[in-house]
């Protein structure tokens, strides 16, 4: 039984970071559908998405979990 691996994610932090990235992407898309974003707003949403991607990538490198599904 030792060393038995399952496909079920076991890292809560990884799941939280994936959810955060998905949430940023979804909110940005929906806001863009509601109205035209100003260049400043568009840049800010891009920055938020890149920051969320970076946090997830750093976590994956440090912790060794996940497979970069959303990045």
PDB file of N, CA and C in Angstrom:
ATOM      1  N   UNK A   1       0.810  -1.197   0.000  1.00  0.00           N
ATOM      2  CA  UNK A   1       0.000   0.000   0.000  1.00  0.00           C
ATOM      3  C   UNK A   1       0.855   1.264   0.000  1.00  0.00           C
ATOM      4  N   UNK A   2       2.021   1.193   0.585  1.00  0.00           N
ATOM      5  CA  UNK A   2       2.898   2.357   0.558  1.00  0.00           C
ATOM      6  C   UNK A   2       3.278   2.646  -0.887  1.00  0.00           C
ATOM      7  N   UNK A   3       3.228   3.895  -1.262  1.00  0.00           N
ATOM      8  CA  UNK A   3       3.564   4.276  -2.620  1.00  0.00           C
ATOM      9  C   UNK A   3       2.394   4.193  -3.588  1.00  0.00           C
ATOM     10  N   UNK A   4       1.224   3.816  -3.115  1.00  0.00           N
ATOM     11  CA  UNK A   4       0.035   3.757  -3.955  1.00  0.00           C
ATOM     12  C   UNK A   4      -0.369   5.180  -4.324  1.00  0.00           C
ATOM     13  N   UNK A   5      -0.489   5.447  -5.616  1.00  0.00           N
ATOM     14  CA  UNK A   5      -0.848   6.790  -6.070  1.00  0.00           C
ATOM     15  C   UNK A   5      -2.220   6.749  -6.720  1.00  0.00           C
ATOM     16  N   UNK A   6      -2.989   7.773  -6.449  1.00  0.00           N
ATOM     17  CA  UNK A   6      -4.308   7.887  -7.067  1.00  0.00           C
ATOM     18  C   UNK A   6      -4.336   9.144  -7.915  1.00  0.00           C
ATOM     19  N   UNK A   7      -5.338   9.273  -8.762  1.00  0.00           N
ATOM     20  CA  UNK A   7      -5.472  10.460  -9.601  1.00  0.00           C
ATOM     21  C   UNK A   7      -6.241  11.564  -8.890  1.00  0.00           C
ATOM     22  N   UNK A   8      -6.624  11.331  -7.648  1.00  0.00           N
ATOM     23  CA  UNK A   8      -7.369  12.323  -6.888  1.00  0.00           C
ATOM     24  C   UNK A   8      -6.396  13.362  -6.347  1.00  0.00           C
ATOM     25  N   UNK A   9      -6.638  14.654  -6.640  1.00  0.00           N
ATOM     26  CA  UNK A   9      -5.736  15.682  -6.122  1.00  0.00           C
ATOM     27  C   UNK A   9      -5.768  15.692  -4.593  1.00  0.00           C
ATOM     28  N   UNK A  10      -4.606  15.775  -3.982  1.00  0.00           N
ATOM     29  CA  UNK A  10      -4.552  15.744  -2.531  1.00  0.00           C
ATOM     30  C   UNK A  10      -4.043  17.049  -1.940  1.00  0.00           C
ATOM     31  N   UNK A  11      -3.667  17.983  -2.765  1.00  0.00           N
ATOM     32  CA  UNK A  11      -3.102  19.227  -2.261  1.00  0.00           C
ATOM     33  C   UNK A  11      -4.161  20.337  -2.296  1.00  0.00           C
ATOM     34  N   UNK A  12      -4.600  20.731  -1.131  1.00  0.00           N
ATOM     35  CA  UNK A  12      -5.642  21.767  -1.035  1.00  0.00           C
ATOM     36  C   UNK A  12      -5.150  23.107  -1.573  1.00  0.00           C
ATOM     37  N   UNK A  13      -3.885  23.430  -1.345  1.00  0.00           N
ATOM     38  CA  UNK A  13      -3.333  24.705  -1.825  1.00  0.00           C
ATOM     39  C   UNK A  13      -3.326  24.730  -3.354  1.00  0.00           C
ATOM     40  N   UNK A  14      -2.987  23.628  -3.973  1.00  0.00           N
ATOM     41  CA  UNK A  14      -2.985  23.553  -5.433  1.00  0.00           C
ATOM     42  C   UNK A  14      -4.395  23.765  -5.970  1.00  0.00           C
ATOM     43  N   UNK A  15      -5.351  23.130  -5.364  1.00  0.00           N
ATOM     44  CA  UNK A  15      -6.742  23.306  -5.778  1.00  0.00           C
ATOM     45  C   UNK A  15      -7.193  24.748  -5.607  1.00  0.00           C
ATOM     46  N   UNK A  16      -6.793  25.377  -4.507  1.00  0.00           N
ATOM     47  CA  UNK A  16      -7.163  26.777  -4.265  1.00  0.00           C
ATOM     48  C   UNK A  16      -6.565  27.686  -5.337  1.00  0.00           C
ATOM     49  N   UNK A  17      -5.304  27.461  -5.681  1.00  0.00           N
ATOM     50  CA  UNK A  17      -4.649  28.285  -6.688  1.00  0.00           C
ATOM     51  C   UNK A  17      -5.248  28.065  -8.075  1.00  0.00           C
ATOM     52  N   UNK A  18      -5.613  26.831  -8.406  1.00  0.00           N
ATOM     53  CA  UNK A  18      -6.288  26.564  -9.675  1.00  0.00           C
ATOM     54  C   UNK A  18      -7.633  27.281  -9.729  1.00  0.00           C
ATOM     55  N   UNK A  19      -8.366  27.225  -8.615  1.00  0.00           N
ATOM     56  CA  UNK A  19      -9.664  27.899  -8.562  1.00  0.00           C
ATOM     57  C   UNK A  19      -9.490  29.408  -8.712  1.00  0.00           C
ATOM     58  N   UNK A  20      -8.474  29.962  -8.068  1.00  0.00           N
ATOM     59  CA  UNK A  20      -8.218  31.400  -8.153  1.00  0.00           C
ATOM     60  C   UNK A  20      -7.927  31.807  -9.599  1.00  0.00           C
ATOM     61  N   UNK A  21      -7.115  31.021 -10.304  1.00  0.00           N
ATOM     62  CA  UNK A  21      -6.820  31.310 -11.709  1.00  0.00           C
ATOM     63  C   UNK A  21      -8.088  31.236 -12.548  1.00  0.00           C
ATOM     64  N   UNK A  22      -8.873  30.199 -12.352  1.00  0.00           N
ATOM     65  CA  UNK A  22     -10.123  30.048 -13.095  1.00  0.00           C
ATOM     66  C   UNK A  22     -11.070  31.212 -12.814  1.00  0.00           C
ATOM     67  N   UNK A  23     -11.128  31.633 -11.562  1.00  0.00           N
ATOM     68  CA  UNK A  23     -12.008  32.742 -11.183  1.00  0.00           C
ATOM     69  C   UNK A  23     -11.574  34.044 -11.858  1.00  0.00           C
ATOM     70  N   UNK A  24     -10.281  34.322 -11.892  1.00  0.00           N
ATOM     71  CA  UNK A  24      -9.781  35.541 -12.532  1.00  0.00           C
ATOM     72  C   UNK A  24     -10.117  35.519 -14.020  1.00  0.00           C
ATOM     73  N   UNK A  25      -9.877  34.372 -14.656  1.00  0.00           N
ATOM     74  CA  UNK A  25     -10.183  34.265 -16.088  1.00  0.00           C
ATOM     75  C   UNK A  25     -11.667  34.457 -16.352  1.00  0.00           C
ATOM     76  N   UNK A  26     -12.504  33.825 -15.548  1.00  0.00           N
ATOM     77  CA  UNK A  26     -13.950  33.897 -15.742  1.00  0.00           C
ATOM     78  C   UNK A  26     -14.476  35.307 -15.514  1.00  0.00           C
ATOM     79  N   UNK A  27     -14.039  35.932 -14.450  1.00  0.00           N
ATOM     80  CA  UNK A  27     -14.503  37.302 -14.170  1.00  0.00           C
ATOM     81  C   UNK A  27     -14.092  38.266 -15.271  1.00  0.00           C
ATOM     82  N   UNK A  28     -12.861  38.130 -15.740  1.00  0.00           N
ATOM     83  CA  UNK A  28     -12.389  38.998 -16.819  1.00  0.00           C
ATOM     84  C   UNK A  28     -13.201  38.817 -18.088  1.00  0.00           C
ATOM     85  N   UNK A  29     -13.496  37.564 -18.424  1.00  0.00           N
ATOM     86  CA  UNK A  29     -14.307  37.291 -19.617  1.00  0.00           C
ATOM     87  C   UNK A  29     -15.711  37.878 -19.487  1.00  0.00           C
ATOM     88  N   UNK A  30     -16.334  37.634 -18.345  1.00  0.00           N
ATOM     89  CA  UNK A  30     -17.701  38.130 -18.159  1.00  0.00           C
ATOM     90  C   UNK A  30     -17.761  39.655 -18.145  1.00  0.00           C
ATOM     91  N   UNK A  31     -16.790  40.272 -17.515  1.00  0.00           N
ATOM     92  CA  UNK A  31     -16.765  41.733 -17.502  1.00  0.00           C
ATOM     93  C   UNK A  31     -16.592  42.272 -18.922  1.00  0.00           C
ATOM     94  N   UNK A  32     -15.735  41.618 -19.698  1.00  0.00           N
ATOM     95  CA  UNK A  32     -15.535  42.022 -21.092  1.00  0.00           C
ATOM     96  C   UNK A  32     -16.777  41.827 -21.944  1.00  0.00           C
ATOM     97  N   UNK A  33     -17.601  40.864 -21.576  1.00  0.00           N
ATOM     98  CA  UNK A  33     -18.853  40.649 -22.308  1.00  0.00           C
ATOM     99  C   UNK A  33     -19.916  41.681 -21.932  1.00  0.00           C
ATOM    100  N   UNK A  34     -19.851  42.163 -20.704  1.00  0.00           N
ATOM    101  CA  UNK A  34     -20.832  43.150 -20.255  1.00  0.00           C
ATOM    102  C   UNK A  34     -20.600  44.519 -20.881  1.00  0.00           C
ATOM    103  N   UNK A  35     -19.325  44.861 -21.019  1.00  0.00           N
ATOM    104  CA  UNK A  35     -18.993  46.177 -21.568  1.00  0.00           C
ATOM    105  C   UNK A  35     -17.568  46.152 -22.090  1.00  0.00           C
ATOM    106  N   UNK A  36     -17.236  47.151 -22.862  1.00  0.00           N
ATOM    107  CA  UNK A  36     -15.865  47.257 -23.362  1.00  0.00           C
ATOM    108  C   UNK A  36     -14.951  47.688 -22.231  1.00  0.00           C
ATOM    109  N   UNK A  37     -13.828  46.997 -22.107  1.00  0.00           N
ATOM    110  CA  UNK A  37     -12.862  47.365 -21.078  1.00  0.00           C
ATOM    111  C   UNK A  37     -11.966  48.479 -21.594  1.00  0.00           C
ATOM    112  N   UNK A  38     -11.615  49.368 -20.700  1.00  0.00           N
ATOM    113  CA  UNK A  38     -10.644  50.391 -21.063  1.00  0.00           C
ATOM    114  C   UNK A  38      -9.285  49.713 -21.190  1.00  0.00           C
ATOM    115  N   UNK A  39      -8.354  50.333 -21.886  1.00  0.00           N
ATOM    116  CA  UNK A  39      -7.014  49.738 -21.979  1.00  0.00           C
ATOM    117  C   UNK A  39      -6.393  49.488 -20.594  1.00  0.00           C
ATOM    118  N   UNK A  40      -6.636  50.386 -19.677  1.00  0.00           N
ATOM    119  CA  UNK A  40      -6.104  50.234 -18.313  1.00  0.00           C
ATOM    120  C   UNK A  40      -6.721  49.010 -17.619  1.00  0.00           C
ATOM    121  N   UNK A  41      -8.041  48.843 -17.776  1.00  0.00           N
ATOM    122  CA  UNK A  41      -8.717  47.691 -17.177  1.00  0.00           C
ATOM    123  C   UNK A  41      -8.236  46.380 -17.812  1.00  0.00           C
ATOM    124  N   UNK A  42      -8.107  46.392 -19.106  1.00  0.00           N
ATOM    125  CA  UNK A  42      -7.638  45.202 -19.808  1.00  0.00           C
ATOM    126  C   UNK A  42      -6.237  44.808 -19.346  1.00  0.00           C
ATOM    127  N   UNK A  43      -5.391  45.782 -19.182  1.00  0.00           N
ATOM    128  CA  UNK A  43      -4.027  45.543 -18.690  1.00  0.00           C
ATOM    129  C   UNK A  43      -4.069  44.986 -17.275  1.00  0.00           C
ATOM    130  N   UNK A  44      -4.944  45.521 -16.445  1.00  0.00           N
ATOM    131  CA  UNK A  44      -5.068  45.041 -15.067  1.00  0.00           C
ATOM    132  C   UNK A  44      -5.550  43.594 -15.018  1.00  0.00           C
ATOM    133  N   UNK A  45      -6.529  43.212 -15.846  1.00  0.00           N
ATOM    134  CA  UNK A  45      -7.005  41.829 -15.866  1.00  0.00           C
ATOM    135  C   UNK A  45      -5.917  40.893 -16.373  1.00  0.00           C
ATOM    136  N   UNK A  46      -5.154  41.348 -17.364  1.00  0.00           N
ATOM    137  CA  UNK A  46      -4.024  40.545 -17.843  1.00  0.00           C
ATOM    138  C   UNK A  46      -2.998  40.336 -16.732  1.00  0.00           C
ATOM    139  N   UNK A  47      -2.731  41.395 -15.980  1.00  0.00           N
ATOM    140  CA  UNK A  47      -1.770  41.309 -14.878  1.00  0.00           C
ATOM    141  C   UNK A  47      -2.260  40.339 -13.809  1.00  0.00           C
ATOM    142  N   UNK A  48      -3.547  40.407 -13.489  1.00  0.00           N
ATOM    143  CA  UNK A  48      -4.115  39.501 -12.483  1.00  0.00           C
ATOM    144  C   UNK A  48      -4.029  38.043 -12.924  1.00  0.00           C
ATOM    145  N   UNK A  49      -4.323  37.797 -14.199  1.00  0.00           N
ATOM    146  CA  UNK A  49      -4.244  36.426 -14.703  1.00  0.00           C
ATOM    147  C   UNK A  49      -2.800  35.920 -14.684  1.00  0.00           C
ATOM    148  N   UNK A  50      -1.873  36.754 -15.100  1.00  0.00           N
ATOM    149  CA  UNK A  50      -0.461  36.359 -15.093  1.00  0.00           C
ATOM    150  C   UNK A  50       0.034  36.096 -13.673  1.00  0.00           C
ATOM    151  N   UNK A  51      -0.414  36.901 -12.723  1.00  0.00           N
ATOM    152  CA  UNK A  51      -0.021  36.705 -11.327  1.00  0.00           C
ATOM    153  C   UNK A  51      -0.567  35.382 -10.792  1.00  0.00           C
ATOM    154  N   UNK A  52      -1.813  35.064 -11.119  1.00  0.00           N
ATOM    155  CA  UNK A  52      -2.410  33.805 -10.676  1.00  0.00           C
ATOM    156  C   UNK A  52      -1.693  32.614 -11.317  1.00  0.00           C
ATOM    157  N   UNK A  53      -1.344  32.732 -12.604  1.00  0.00           N
ATOM    158  CA  UNK A  53      -0.593  31.674 -13.279  1.00  0.00           C
ATOM    159  C   UNK A  53       0.781  31.487 -12.635  1.00  0.00           C
ATOM    160  N   UNK A  54       1.430  32.587 -12.304  1.00  0.00           N
ATOM    161  CA  UNK A  54       2.757  32.515 -11.695  1.00  0.00           C
ATOM    162  C   UNK A  54       2.694  31.857 -10.317  1.00  0.00           C
ATOM    163  N   UNK A  55       1.688  32.205  -9.529  1.00  0.00           N
ATOM    164  CA  UNK A  55       1.543  31.592  -8.210  1.00  0.00           C
ATOM    165  C   UNK A  55       1.356  30.086  -8.326  1.00  0.00           C
ATOM    166  N   UNK A  56       0.538  29.663  -9.283  1.00  0.00           N
ATOM    167  CA  UNK A  56       0.293  28.236  -9.479  1.00  0.00           C
ATOM    168  C   UNK A  56       1.565  27.539  -9.957  1.00  0.00           C
ATOM    169  N   UNK A  57       2.289  28.164 -10.873  1.00  0.00           N
ATOM    170  CA  UNK A  57       3.518  27.564 -11.393  1.00  0.00           C
ATOM    171  C   UNK A  57       4.569  27.425 -10.290  1.00  0.00           C
ATOM    172  N   UNK A  58       4.718  28.449  -9.465  1.00  0.00           N
ATOM    173  CA  UNK A  58       5.685  28.396  -8.358  1.00  0.00           C
ATOM    174  C   UNK A  58       5.292  27.283  -7.391  1.00  0.00           C
ATOM    175  N   UNK A  59       4.027  27.197  -7.087  1.00  0.00           N
ATOM    176  CA  UNK A  59       3.557  26.145  -6.177  1.00  0.00           C
ATOM    177  C   UNK A  59       3.859  24.761  -6.756  1.00  0.00           C
ATOM    178  N   UNK A  60       3.576  24.582  -8.049  1.00  0.00           N
ATOM    179  CA  UNK A  60       3.832  23.283  -8.681  1.00  0.00           C
ATOM    180  C   UNK A  60       5.313  22.935  -8.633  1.00  0.00           C
ATOM    181  N   UNK A  61       6.169  23.925  -8.866  1.00  0.00           N
ATOM    182  CA  UNK A  61       7.617  23.670  -8.824  1.00  0.00           C
ATOM    183  C   UNK A  61       8.091  23.350  -7.412  1.00  0.00           C
ATOM    184  N   UNK A  62       7.599  24.089  -6.440  1.00  0.00           N
ATOM    185  CA  UNK A  62       8.037  23.899  -5.053  1.00  0.00           C
ATOM    186  C   UNK A  62       7.458  22.630  -4.439  1.00  0.00           C
ATOM    187  N   UNK A  63       6.221  22.330  -4.767  1.00  0.00           N
ATOM    188  CA  UNK A  63       5.518  21.239  -4.102  1.00  0.00           C
ATOM    189  C   UNK A  63       5.496  19.968  -4.941  1.00  0.00           C
ATOM    190  N   UNK A  64       5.658  20.117  -6.255  1.00  0.00           N
ATOM    191  CA  UNK A  64       5.666  18.957  -7.135  1.00  0.00           C
ATOM    192  C   UNK A  64       4.305  18.373  -7.435  1.00  0.00           C
ATOM    193  N   UNK A  65       3.261  19.114  -7.208  1.00  0.00           N
ATOM    194  CA  UNK A  65       1.924  18.595  -7.462  1.00  0.00           C
ATOM    195  C   UNK A  65       1.354  19.240  -8.724  1.00  0.00           C
ATOM    196  N   UNK A  66       0.329  18.639  -9.251  1.00  0.00           N
ATOM    197  CA  UNK A  66      -0.354  19.196 -10.415  1.00  0.00           C
ATOM    198  C   UNK A  66       0.410  18.931 -11.694  1.00  0.00           C
ATOM    199  N   UNK A  67      -0.259  19.199 -12.787  1.00  0.00           N
ATOM    200  CA  UNK A  67       0.338  18.970 -14.094  1.00  0.00           C
ATOM    201  C   UNK A  67       0.155  20.164 -15.001  1.00  0.00           C
ATOM    202  N   UNK A  68      -0.098  21.352 -14.448  1.00  0.00           N
ATOM    203  CA  UNK A  68      -0.262  22.547 -15.269  1.00  0.00           C
ATOM    204  C   UNK A  68      -1.489  22.519 -16.155  1.00  0.00           C
ATOM    205  N   UNK A  69      -2.571  21.945 -15.640  1.00  0.00           N
ATOM    206  CA  UNK A  69      -3.775  21.769 -16.451  1.00  0.00           C
ATOM    207  C   UNK A  69      -4.348  23.079 -16.969  1.00  0.00           C
ATOM    208  N   UNK A  70      -4.329  24.117 -16.152  1.00  0.00           N
ATOM    209  CA  UNK A  70      -4.969  25.368 -16.555  1.00  0.00           C
ATOM    210  C   UNK A  70      -3.986  26.412 -17.055  1.00  0.00           C
ATOM    211  N   UNK A  71      -2.723  26.200 -16.895  1.00  0.00           N
ATOM    212  CA  UNK A  71      -1.755  27.218 -17.300  1.00  0.00           C
ATOM    213  C   UNK A  71      -1.391  27.130 -18.734  1.00  0.00           C
TER     214      UNK A  71
END
